[in-house]
Amino acid sequence: TVMLSYPLANFLSMQSQIAAHIATIIVAALIKISYVVRCVCQ
């Protein structure tokens, strides 16, 4: 999503760029949740 949001943004439509930026935020939150679950399990 970061690659789509920044270096490849010229090849995407505006709607796709917006979706990529929103997906970056959502995926970052999912990484954080996964890490917390991992810490609790450990």
ModelCIF file with pLDDT and N, C-alpha, C, O atoms, coordinates in Angstrom:
data_MODEL
#
_entry.id   MODEL 
#
_entity.id                         1 
_entity.type                       polymer 
_entity.pdbx_number_of_molecules   1 
#
_entity_poly.entity_id                      1 
_entity_poly.type                           'polypeptide(L)' 
_entity_poly.nstd_linkage                   no 
_entity_poly.nstd_monomer                   no 
_entity_poly.pdbx_seq_one_letter_code       TVMLSYPLANFLSMQSQIAAHIATIIVAALIKISYVVRCVCQ 
_entity_poly.pdbx_seq_one_letter_code_can   TVMLSYPLANFLSMQSQIAAHIATIIVAALIKISYVVRCVCQ 
_entity_poly.pdbx_strand_id                 A 
#
loop_
_entity_poly_seq.entity_id 
_entity_poly_seq.num 
_entity_poly_seq.mon_id 
_entity_poly_seq.hetero 
1 1  THR n 
1 2  VAL n 
1 3  MET n 
1 4  LEU n 
1 5  SER n 
1 6  TYR n 
1 7  PRO n 
1 8  LEU n 
1 9  ALA n 
1 10 ASN n 
1 11 PHE n 
1 12 LEU n 
1 13 SER n 
1 14 MET n 
1 15 GLN n 
1 16 SER n 
1 17 GLN n 
1 18 ILE n 
1 19 ALA n 
1 20 ALA n 
1 21 HIS n 
1 22 ILE n 
1 23 ALA n 
1 24 THR n 
1 25 ILE n 
1 26 ILE n 
1 27 VAL n 
1 28 ALA n 
1 29 ALA n 
1 30 LEU n 
1 31 ILE n 
1 32 LYS n 
1 33 ILE n 
1 34 SER n 
1 35 TYR n 
1 36 VAL n 
1 37 VAL n 
1 38 ARG n 
1 39 CYS n 
1 40 VAL n 
1 41 CYS n 
1 42 GLN n 
#
_struct_asym.id          A 
_struct_asym.entity_id   1 
#
loop_
_ma_qa_metric.id 
_ma_qa_metric.mode 
_ma_qa_metric.name 
_ma_qa_metric.software_group_id 
_ma_qa_metric.type 
1 global pLDDT . pLDDT 
2 local  pLDDT . pLDDT 
#
_ma_qa_metric_global.metric_id      1 
_ma_qa_metric_global.metric_value   97.36 
_ma_qa_metric_global.model_id       1 
_ma_qa_metric_global.ordinal_id     1 
#
loop_
_ma_qa_metric_local.label_asym_id 
_ma_qa_metric_local.label_comp_id 
_ma_qa_metric_local.label_seq_id 
_ma_qa_metric_local.metric_id 
_ma_qa_metric_local.metric_value 
_ma_qa_metric_local.model_id 
_ma_qa_metric_local.ordinal_id 
A THR 1  2 98.00 1 1  
A VAL 2  2 98.00 1 2  
A MET 3  2 98.00 1 3  
A LEU 4  2 97.00 1 4  
A SER 5  2 96.00 1 5  
A TYR 6  2 96.00 1 6  
A PRO 7  2 97.00 1 7  
A LEU 8  2 97.00 1 8  
A ALA 9  2 96.00 1 9  
A ASN 10 2 96.00 1 10 
A PHE 11 2 97.00 1 11 
A LEU 12 2 97.00 1 12 
A SER 13 2 97.00 1 13 
A MET 14 2 97.00 1 14 
A GLN 15 2 98.00 1 15 
A SER 16 2 97.00 1 16 
A GLN 17 2 97.00 1 17 
A ILE 18 2 98.00 1 18 
A ALA 19 2 98.00 1 19 
A ALA 20 2 98.00 1 20 
A HIS 21 2 98.00 1 21 
A ILE 22 2 98.00 1 22 
A ALA 23 2 98.00 1 23 
A THR 24 2 98.00 1 24 
A ILE 25 2 98.00 1 25 
A ILE 26 2 98.00 1 26 
A VAL 27 2 98.00 1 27 
A ALA 28 2 98.00 1 28 
A ALA 29 2 98.00 1 29 
A LEU 30 2 98.00 1 30 
A ILE 31 2 98.00 1 31 
A LYS 32 2 98.00 1 32 
A ILE 33 2 98.00 1 33 
A SER 34 2 98.00 1 34 
A TYR 35 2 98.00 1 35 
A VAL 36 2 97.00 1 36 
A VAL 37 2 97.00 1 37 
A ARG 38 2 97.00 1 38 
A CYS 39 2 97.00 1 39 
A VAL 40 2 96.00 1 40 
A CYS 41 2 96.00 1 41 
A GLN 42 2 96.00 1 42 
#
loop_
_atom_site.group_PDB 
_atom_site.id 
_atom_site.type_symbol 
_atom_site.label_atom_id 
_atom_site.label_alt_id 
_atom_site.label_comp_id 
_atom_site.label_asym_id 
_atom_site.label_entity_id 
_atom_site.label_seq_id 
_atom_site.pdbx_PDB_ins_code 
_atom_site.Cartn_x 
_atom_site.Cartn_y 
_atom_site.Cartn_z 
_atom_site.occupancy 
_atom_site.B_iso_or_equiv 
_atom_site.pdbx_formal_charge 
_atom_site.auth_seq_id 
_atom_site.auth_comp_id 
_atom_site.auth_asym_id 
_atom_site.auth_atom_id 
_atom_site.pdbx_PDB_model_num 
ATOM 1   N N  . THR A 1 1  ? 0.824  -1.219  0.000   1.00 98.00 ? 1  THR A N  1 
ATOM 2   C CA . THR A 1 1  ? 0.000  0.000   0.000   1.00 98.00 ? 1  THR A CA 1 
ATOM 3   C C  . THR A 1 1  ? 0.854  1.264   0.000   1.00 98.00 ? 1  THR A C  1 
ATOM 4   O O  . THR A 1 1  ? 0.475  2.265   -0.607  1.00 98.00 ? 1  THR A O  1 
ATOM 5   N N  . VAL A 1 2  ? 2.001  1.228   0.673   1.00 98.00 ? 2  VAL A N  1 
ATOM 6   C CA . VAL A 1 2  ? 2.894  2.391   0.652   1.00 98.00 ? 2  VAL A CA 1 
ATOM 7   C C  . VAL A 1 2  ? 3.456  2.587   -0.755  1.00 98.00 ? 2  VAL A C  1 
ATOM 8   O O  . VAL A 1 2  ? 3.549  3.715   -1.240  1.00 98.00 ? 2  VAL A O  1 
ATOM 9   N N  . MET A 1 3  ? 3.828  1.492   -1.404  1.00 98.00 ? 3  MET A N  1 
ATOM 10  C CA . MET A 1 3  ? 4.332  1.593   -2.780  1.00 98.00 ? 3  MET A CA 1 
ATOM 11  C C  . MET A 1 3  ? 3.260  2.169   -3.705  1.00 98.00 ? 3  MET A C  1 
ATOM 12  O O  . MET A 1 3  ? 3.558  2.990   -4.573  1.00 98.00 ? 3  MET A O  1 
ATOM 13  N N  . LEU A 1 4  ? 2.021  1.737   -3.518  1.00 97.00 ? 4  LEU A N  1 
ATOM 14  C CA . LEU A 1 4  ? 0.942  2.265   -4.354  1.00 97.00 ? 4  LEU A CA 1 
ATOM 15  C C  . LEU A 1 4  ? 0.641  3.720   -4.020  1.00 97.00 ? 4  LEU A C  1 
ATOM 16  O O  . LEU A 1 4  ? 0.281  4.500   -4.902  1.00 97.00 ? 4  LEU A O  1 
ATOM 17  N N  . SER A 1 5  ? 0.786  4.084   -2.761  1.00 96.00 ? 5  SER A N  1 
ATOM 18  C CA . SER A 1 5  ? 0.440  5.440   -2.343  1.00 96.00 ? 5  SER A CA 1 
ATOM 19  C C  . SER A 1 5  ? 1.446  6.485   -2.804  1.00 96.00 ? 5  SER A C  1 
ATOM 20  O O  . SER A 1 5  ? 1.066  7.615   -3.109  1.00 96.00 ? 5  SER A O  1 
ATOM 21  N N  . TYR A 1 6  ? 2.723  6.124   -2.861  1.00 96.00 ? 6  TYR A N  1 
ATOM 22  C CA . TYR A 1 6  ? 3.739  7.144   -3.135  1.00 96.00 ? 6  TYR A CA 1 
ATOM 23  C C  . TYR A 1 6  ? 4.491  6.939   -4.450  1.00 96.00 ? 6  TYR A C  1 
ATOM 24  O O  . TYR A 1 6  ? 4.267  7.720   -5.374  1.00 96.00 ? 6  TYR A O  1 
ATOM 25  N N  . PRO A 1 7  ? 5.364  5.944   -4.597  1.00 97.00 ? 7  PRO A N  1 
ATOM 26  C CA . PRO A 1 7  ? 6.141  5.888   -5.844  1.00 97.00 ? 7  PRO A CA 1 
ATOM 27  C C  . PRO A 1 7  ? 5.316  5.557   -7.088  1.00 97.00 ? 7  PRO A C  1 
ATOM 28  O O  . PRO A 1 7  ? 5.659  5.990   -8.187  1.00 97.00 ? 7  PRO A O  1 
ATOM 29  N N  . LEU A 1 8  ? 4.240  4.799   -6.928  1.00 97.00 ? 8  LEU A N  1 
ATOM 30  C CA . LEU A 1 8  ? 3.443  4.404   -8.085  1.00 97.00 ? 8  LEU A CA 1 
ATOM 31  C C  . LEU A 1 8  ? 2.163  5.223   -8.241  1.00 97.00 ? 8  LEU A C  1 
ATOM 32  O O  . LEU A 1 8  ? 1.292  4.869   -9.037  1.00 97.00 ? 8  LEU A O  1 
ATOM 33  N N  . ALA A 1 9  ? 2.049  6.296   -7.499  1.00 96.00 ? 9  ALA A N  1 
ATOM 34  C CA . ALA A 1 9  ? 0.817  7.093   -7.506  1.00 96.00 ? 9  ALA A CA 1 
ATOM 35  C C  . ALA A 1 9  ? 0.510  7.693   -8.875  1.00 96.00 ? 9  ALA A C  1 
ATOM 36  O O  . ALA A 1 9  ? -0.656 7.908   -9.208  1.00 96.00 ? 9  ALA A O  1 
ATOM 37  N N  . ASN A 1 10 ? 1.532  7.963   -9.661  1.00 96.00 ? 10 ASN A N  1 
ATOM 38  C CA . ASN A 1 10 ? 1.308  8.565   -10.991 1.00 96.00 ? 10 ASN A CA 1 
ATOM 39  C C  . ASN A 1 10 ? 0.570  7.631   -11.934 1.00 96.00 ? 10 ASN A C  1 
ATOM 40  O O  . ASN A 1 10 ? -0.041 8.082   -12.902 1.00 96.00 ? 10 ASN A O  1 
ATOM 41  N N  . PHE A 1 11 ? 0.620  6.336   -11.660 1.00 97.00 ? 11 PHE A N  1 
ATOM 42  C CA . PHE A 1 11 ? -0.019 5.360   -12.537 1.00 97.00 ? 11 PHE A CA 1 
ATOM 43  C C  . PHE A 1 11 ? -1.444 5.024   -12.108 1.00 97.00 ? 11 PHE A C  1 
ATOM 44  O O  . PHE A 1 11 ? -2.118 4.238   -12.774 1.00 97.00 ? 11 PHE A O  1 
ATOM 45  N N  . LEU A 1 12 ? -1.908 5.607   -11.008 1.00 97.00 ? 12 LEU A N  1 
ATOM 46  C CA . LEU A 1 12 ? -3.227 5.287   -10.465 1.00 97.00 ? 12 LEU A CA 1 
ATOM 47  C C  . LEU A 1 12 ? -4.171 6.472   -10.606 1.00 97.00 ? 12 LEU A C  1 
ATOM 48  O O  . LEU A 1 12 ? -3.751 7.627   -10.678 1.00 97.00 ? 12 LEU A O  1 
ATOM 49  N N  . SER A 1 13 ? -5.459 6.150   -10.645 1.00 97.00 ? 13 SER A N  1 
ATOM 50  C CA . SER A 1 13 ? -6.465 7.220   -10.645 1.00 97.00 ? 13 SER A CA 1 
ATOM 51  C C  . SER A 1 13 ? -6.540 7.832   -9.256  1.00 97.00 ? 13 SER A C  1 
ATOM 52  O O  . SER A 1 13 ? -6.000 7.286   -8.295  1.00 97.00 ? 13 SER A O  1 
ATOM 53  N N  . MET A 1 14 ? -7.213 8.967   -9.161  1.00 97.00 ? 14 MET A N  1 
ATOM 54  C CA . MET A 1 14 ? -7.346 9.641   -7.869  1.00 97.00 ? 14 MET A CA 1 
ATOM 55  C C  . MET A 1 14 ? -8.081 8.755   -6.859  1.00 97.00 ? 14 MET A C  1 
ATOM 56  O O  . MET A 1 14 ? -7.711 8.718   -5.686  1.00 97.00 ? 14 MET A O  1 
ATOM 57  N N  . GLN A 1 15 ? -9.114 8.047   -7.306  1.00 98.00 ? 15 GLN A N  1 
ATOM 58  C CA . GLN A 1 15 ? -9.863 7.162   -6.413  1.00 98.00 ? 15 GLN A CA 1 
ATOM 59  C C  . GLN A 1 15 ? -8.978 6.028   -5.898  1.00 98.00 ? 15 GLN A C  1 
ATOM 60  O O  . GLN A 1 15 ? -9.063 5.648   -4.731  1.00 98.00 ? 15 GLN A O  1 
ATOM 61  N N  . SER A 1 16 ? -8.141 5.500   -6.762  1.00 97.00 ? 16 SER A N  1 
ATOM 62  C CA . SER A 1 16 ? -7.238 4.428   -6.349  1.00 97.00 ? 16 SER A CA 1 
ATOM 63  C C  . SER A 1 16 ? -6.188 4.937   -5.369  1.00 97.00 ? 16 SER A C  1 
ATOM 64  O O  . SER A 1 16 ? -5.812 4.231   -4.433  1.00 97.00 ? 16 SER A O  1 
ATOM 65  N N  . GLN A 1 17 ? -5.720 6.152   -5.582  1.00 97.00 ? 17 GLN A N  1 
ATOM 66  C CA . GLN A 1 17 ? -4.756 6.743   -4.649  1.00 97.00 ? 17 GLN A CA 1 
ATOM 67  C C  . GLN A 1 17 ? -5.377 6.952   -3.273  1.00 97.00 ? 17 GLN A C  1 
ATOM 68  O O  . GLN A 1 17 ? -4.744 6.682   -2.253  1.00 97.00 ? 17 GLN A O  1 
ATOM 69  N N  . ILE A 1 18 ? -6.602 7.427   -3.248  1.00 98.00 ? 18 ILE A N  1 
ATOM 70  C CA . ILE A 1 18 ? -7.303 7.620   -1.974  1.00 98.00 ? 18 ILE A CA 1 
ATOM 71  C C  . ILE A 1 18 ? -7.489 6.283   -1.272  1.00 98.00 ? 18 ILE A C  1 
ATOM 72  O O  . ILE A 1 18 ? -7.268 6.171   -0.066  1.00 98.00 ? 18 ILE A O  1 
ATOM 73  N N  . ALA A 1 19 ? -7.894 5.278   -2.023  1.00 98.00 ? 19 ALA A N  1 
ATOM 74  C CA . ALA A 1 19 ? -8.076 3.942   -1.447  1.00 98.00 ? 19 ALA A CA 1 
ATOM 75  C C  . ALA A 1 19 ? -6.762 3.387   -0.906  1.00 98.00 ? 19 ALA A C  1 
ATOM 76  O O  . ALA A 1 19 ? -6.742 2.751   0.148   1.00 98.00 ? 19 ALA A O  1 
ATOM 77  N N  . ALA A 1 20 ? -5.672 3.625   -1.618  1.00 98.00 ? 20 ALA A N  1 
ATOM 78  C CA . ALA A 1 20 ? -4.368 3.149   -1.162  1.00 98.00 ? 20 ALA A CA 1 
ATOM 79  C C  . ALA A 1 20 ? -3.940 3.844   0.125   1.00 98.00 ? 20 ALA A C  1 
ATOM 80  O O  . ALA A 1 20 ? -3.380 3.204   1.014   1.00 98.00 ? 20 ALA A O  1 
ATOM 81  N N  . HIS A 1 21 ? -4.196 5.136   0.234   1.00 98.00 ? 21 HIS A N  1 
ATOM 82  C CA . HIS A 1 21 ? -3.855 5.875   1.452   1.00 98.00 ? 21 HIS A CA 1 
ATOM 83  C C  . HIS A 1 21 ? -4.700 5.393   2.639   1.00 98.00 ? 21 HIS A C  1 
ATOM 84  O O  . HIS A 1 21 ? -4.186 5.219   3.744   1.00 98.00 ? 21 HIS A O  1 
ATOM 85  N N  . ILE A 1 22 ? -5.982 5.185   2.403   1.00 98.00 ? 22 ILE A N  1 
ATOM 86  C CA . ILE A 1 22 ? -6.856 4.685   3.474   1.00 98.00 ? 22 ILE A CA 1 
ATOM 87  C C  . ILE A 1 22 ? -6.437 3.275   3.869   1.00 98.00 ? 22 ILE A C  1 
ATOM 88  O O  . ILE A 1 22 ? -6.421 2.942   5.053   1.00 98.00 ? 22 ILE A O  1 
ATOM 89  N N  . ALA A 1 23 ? -6.098 2.446   2.886   1.00 98.00 ? 23 ALA A N  1 
ATOM 90  C CA . ALA A 1 23 ? -5.659 1.074   3.181   1.00 98.00 ? 23 ALA A CA 1 
ATOM 91  C C  . ALA A 1 23 ? -4.369 1.074   3.982   1.00 98.00 ? 23 ALA A C  1 
ATOM 92  O O  . ALA A 1 23 ? -4.172 0.204   4.831   1.00 98.00 ? 23 ALA A O  1 
ATOM 93  N N  . THR A 1 24 ? -3.493 2.025   3.732   1.00 98.00 ? 24 THR A N  1 
ATOM 94  C CA . THR A 1 24 ? -2.244 2.127   4.495   1.00 98.00 ? 24 THR A CA 1 
ATOM 95  C C  . THR A 1 24 ? -2.541 2.349   5.979   1.00 98.00 ? 24 THR A C  1 
ATOM 96  O O  . THR A 1 24 ? -1.921 1.726   6.841   1.00 98.00 ? 24 THR A O  1 
ATOM 97  N N  . ILE A 1 25 ? -3.476 3.224   6.266   1.00 98.00 ? 25 ILE A N  1 
ATOM 98  C CA . ILE A 1 25 ? -3.838 3.500   7.655   1.00 98.00 ? 25 ILE A CA 1 
ATOM 99  C C  . ILE A 1 25 ? -4.472 2.279   8.310   1.00 98.00 ? 25 ILE A C  1 
ATOM 100 O O  . ILE A 1 25 ? -4.145 1.944   9.449   1.00 98.00 ? 25 ILE A O  1 
ATOM 101 N N  . ILE A 1 26 ? -5.373 1.616   7.601   1.00 98.00 ? 26 ILE A N  1 
ATOM 102 C CA . ILE A 1 26 ? -6.058 0.447   8.152   1.00 98.00 ? 26 ILE A CA 1 
ATOM 103 C C  . ILE A 1 26 ? -5.081 -0.699  8.390   1.00 98.00 ? 26 ILE A C  1 
ATOM 104 O O  . ILE A 1 26 ? -5.121 -1.343  9.439   1.00 98.00 ? 26 ILE A O  1 
ATOM 105 N N  . VAL A 1 27 ? -4.210 -0.955  7.428   1.00 98.00 ? 27 VAL A N  1 
ATOM 106 C CA . VAL A 1 27 ? -3.246 -2.045  7.570   1.00 98.00 ? 27 VAL A CA 1 
ATOM 107 C C  . VAL A 1 27 ? -2.266 -1.755  8.701   1.00 98.00 ? 27 VAL A C  1 
ATOM 108 O O  . VAL A 1 27 ? -1.865 -2.672  9.417   1.00 98.00 ? 27 VAL A O  1 
ATOM 109 N N  . ALA A 1 28 ? -1.877 -0.498  8.874   1.00 98.00 ? 28 ALA A N  1 
ATOM 110 C CA . ALA A 1 28 ? -0.990 -0.141  9.988   1.00 98.00 ? 28 ALA A CA 1 
ATOM 111 C C  . ALA A 1 28 ? -1.668 -0.450  11.323  1.00 98.00 ? 28 ALA A C  1 
ATOM 112 O O  . ALA A 1 28 ? -1.020 -0.947  12.245  1.00 98.00 ? 28 ALA A O  1 
ATOM 113 N N  . ALA A 1 29 ? -2.950 -0.164  11.430  1.00 98.00 ? 29 ALA A N  1 
ATOM 114 C CA . ALA A 1 29 ? -3.689 -0.480  12.657  1.00 98.00 ? 29 ALA A CA 1 
ATOM 115 C C  . ALA A 1 29 ? -3.757 -1.991  12.880  1.00 98.00 ? 29 ALA A C  1 
ATOM 116 O O  . ALA A 1 29 ? -3.650 -2.453  14.015  1.00 98.00 ? 29 ALA A O  1 
ATOM 117 N N  . LEU A 1 30 ? -3.931 -2.754  11.816  1.00 98.00 ? 30 LEU A N  1 
ATOM 118 C CA . LEU A 1 30 ? -3.980 -4.215  11.935  1.00 98.00 ? 30 LEU A CA 1 
ATOM 119 C C  . LEU A 1 30 ? -2.627 -4.787  12.361  1.00 98.00 ? 30 LEU A C  1 
ATOM 120 O O  . LEU A 1 30 ? -2.572 -5.774  13.095  1.00 98.00 ? 30 LEU A O  1 
ATOM 121 N N  . ILE A 1 31 ? -1.552 -4.174  11.906  1.00 98.00 ? 31 ILE A N  1 
ATOM 122 C CA . ILE A 1 31 ? -0.217 -4.599  12.353  1.00 98.00 ? 31 ILE A CA 1 
ATOM 123 C C  . ILE A 1 31 ? -0.084 -4.392  13.860  1.00 98.00 ? 31 ILE A C  1 
ATOM 124 O O  . ILE A 1 31 ? 0.425  -5.259  14.570  1.00 98.00 ? 31 ILE A O  1 
ATOM 125 N N  . LYS A 1 32 ? -0.539 -3.253  14.335  1.00 98.00 ? 32 LYS A N  1 
ATOM 126 C CA . LYS A 1 32 ? -0.446 -2.951  15.765  1.00 98.00 ? 32 LYS A CA 1 
ATOM 127 C C  . LYS A 1 32 ? -1.289 -3.917  16.588  1.00 98.00 ? 32 LYS A C  1 
ATOM 128 O O  . LYS A 1 32 ? -0.846 -4.382  17.639  1.00 98.00 ? 32 LYS A O  1 
ATOM 129 N N  . ILE A 1 33 ? -2.493 -4.222  16.126  1.00 98.00 ? 33 ILE A N  1 
ATOM 130 C CA . ILE A 1 33 ? -3.350 -5.171  16.838  1.00 98.00 ? 33 ILE A CA 1 
ATOM 131 C C  . ILE A 1 33 ? -2.712 -6.554  16.863  1.00 98.00 ? 33 ILE A C  1 
ATOM 132 O O  . ILE A 1 33 ? -2.731 -7.223  17.896  1.00 98.00 ? 33 ILE A O  1 
ATOM 133 N N  . SER A 1 34 ? -2.151 -6.987  15.747  1.00 98.00 ? 34 SER A N  1 
ATOM 134 C CA . SER A 1 34 ? -1.485 -8.295  15.690  1.00 98.00 ? 34 SER A CA 1 
ATOM 135 C C  . SER A 1 34 ? -0.311 -8.352  16.648  1.00 98.00 ? 34 SER A C  1 
ATOM 136 O O  . SER A 1 34 ? -0.072 -9.380  17.283  1.00 98.00 ? 34 SER A O  1 
ATOM 137 N N  . TYR A 1 35 ? 0.418  -7.263  16.754  1.00 98.00 ? 35 TYR A N  1 
ATOM 138 C CA . TYR A 1 35 ? 1.573  -7.231  17.652  1.00 98.00 ? 35 TYR A CA 1 
ATOM 139 C C  . TYR A 1 35 ? 1.134  -7.317  19.115  1.00 98.00 ? 35 TYR A C  1 
ATOM 140 O O  . TYR A 1 35 ? 1.768  -8.002  19.917  1.00 98.00 ? 35 TYR A O  1 
ATOM 141 N N  . VAL A 1 36 ? 0.055  -6.624  19.456  1.00 97.00 ? 36 VAL A N  1 
ATOM 142 C CA . VAL A 1 36 ? -0.455 -6.685  20.828  1.00 97.00 ? 36 VAL A CA 1 
ATOM 143 C C  . VAL A 1 36 ? -0.933 -8.096  21.154  1.00 97.00 ? 36 VAL A C  1 
ATOM 144 O O  . VAL A 1 36 ? -0.660 -8.603  22.242  1.00 97.00 ? 36 VAL A O  1 
ATOM 145 N N  . VAL A 1 37 ? -1.637 -8.732  20.232  1.00 97.00 ? 37 VAL A N  1 
ATOM 146 C CA . VAL A 1 37 ? -2.080 -10.116 20.449  1.00 97.00 ? 37 VAL A CA 1 
ATOM 147 C C  . VAL A 1 37 ? -0.875 -11.031 20.622  1.00 97.00 ? 37 VAL A C  1 
ATOM 148 O O  . VAL A 1 37 ? -0.891 -11.924 21.470  1.00 97.00 ? 37 VAL A O  1 
ATOM 149 N N  . ARG A 1 38 ? 0.155  -10.819 19.836  1.00 97.00 ? 38 ARG A N  1 
ATOM 150 C CA . ARG A 1 38 ? 1.385  -11.612 19.951  1.00 97.00 ? 38 ARG A CA 1 
ATOM 151 C C  . ARG A 1 38 ? 2.021  -11.436 21.325  1.00 97.00 ? 38 ARG A C  1 
ATOM 152 O O  . ARG A 1 38 ? 2.442  -12.413 21.944  1.00 97.00 ? 38 ARG A O  1 
ATOM 153 N N  . CYS A 1 39 ? 2.092  -10.200 21.803  1.00 97.00 ? 39 CYS A N  1 
ATOM 154 C CA . CYS A 1 39 ? 2.678  -9.929  23.121  1.00 97.00 ? 39 CYS A CA 1 
ATOM 155 C C  . CYS A 1 39 ? 1.872  -10.571 24.241  1.00 97.00 ? 39 CYS A C  1 
ATOM 156 O O  . CYS A 1 39 ? 2.445  -11.124 25.180  1.00 97.00 ? 39 CYS A O  1 
ATOM 157 N N  . VAL A 1 40 ? 0.545  -10.503 24.148  1.00 96.00 ? 40 VAL A N  1 
ATOM 158 C CA . VAL A 1 40 ? -0.310 -11.115 25.168  1.00 96.00 ? 40 VAL A CA 1 
ATOM 159 C C  . VAL A 1 40 ? -0.118 -12.627 25.191  1.00 96.00 ? 40 VAL A C  1 
ATOM 160 O O  . VAL A 1 40 ? -0.042 -13.224 26.265  1.00 96.00 ? 40 VAL A O  1 
ATOM 161 N N  . CYS A 1 41 ? -0.040 -13.247 24.027  1.00 96.00 ? 41 CYS A N  1 
ATOM 162 C CA . CYS A 1 41 ? 0.167  -14.694 23.958  1.00 96.00 ? 41 CYS A CA 1 
ATOM 163 C C  . CYS A 1 41 ? 1.531  -15.077 24.533  1.00 96.00 ? 41 CYS A C  1 
ATOM 164 O O  . CYS A 1 41 ? 1.641  -16.056 25.271  1.00 96.00 ? 41 CYS A O  1 
ATOM 165 N N  . GLN A 1 42 ? 2.544  -14.326 24.205  1.00 96.00 ? 42 GLN A N  1 
ATOM 166 C CA . GLN A 1 42 ? 3.867  -14.616 24.755  1.00 96.00 ? 42 GLN A CA 1 
ATOM 167 C C  . GLN A 1 42 ? 3.869  -14.471 26.265  1.00 96.00 ? 42 GLN A C  1 
ATOM 168 O O  . GLN A 1 42 ? 4.900  -14.677 26.904  1.00 96.00 ? 42 GLN A O  1 
#
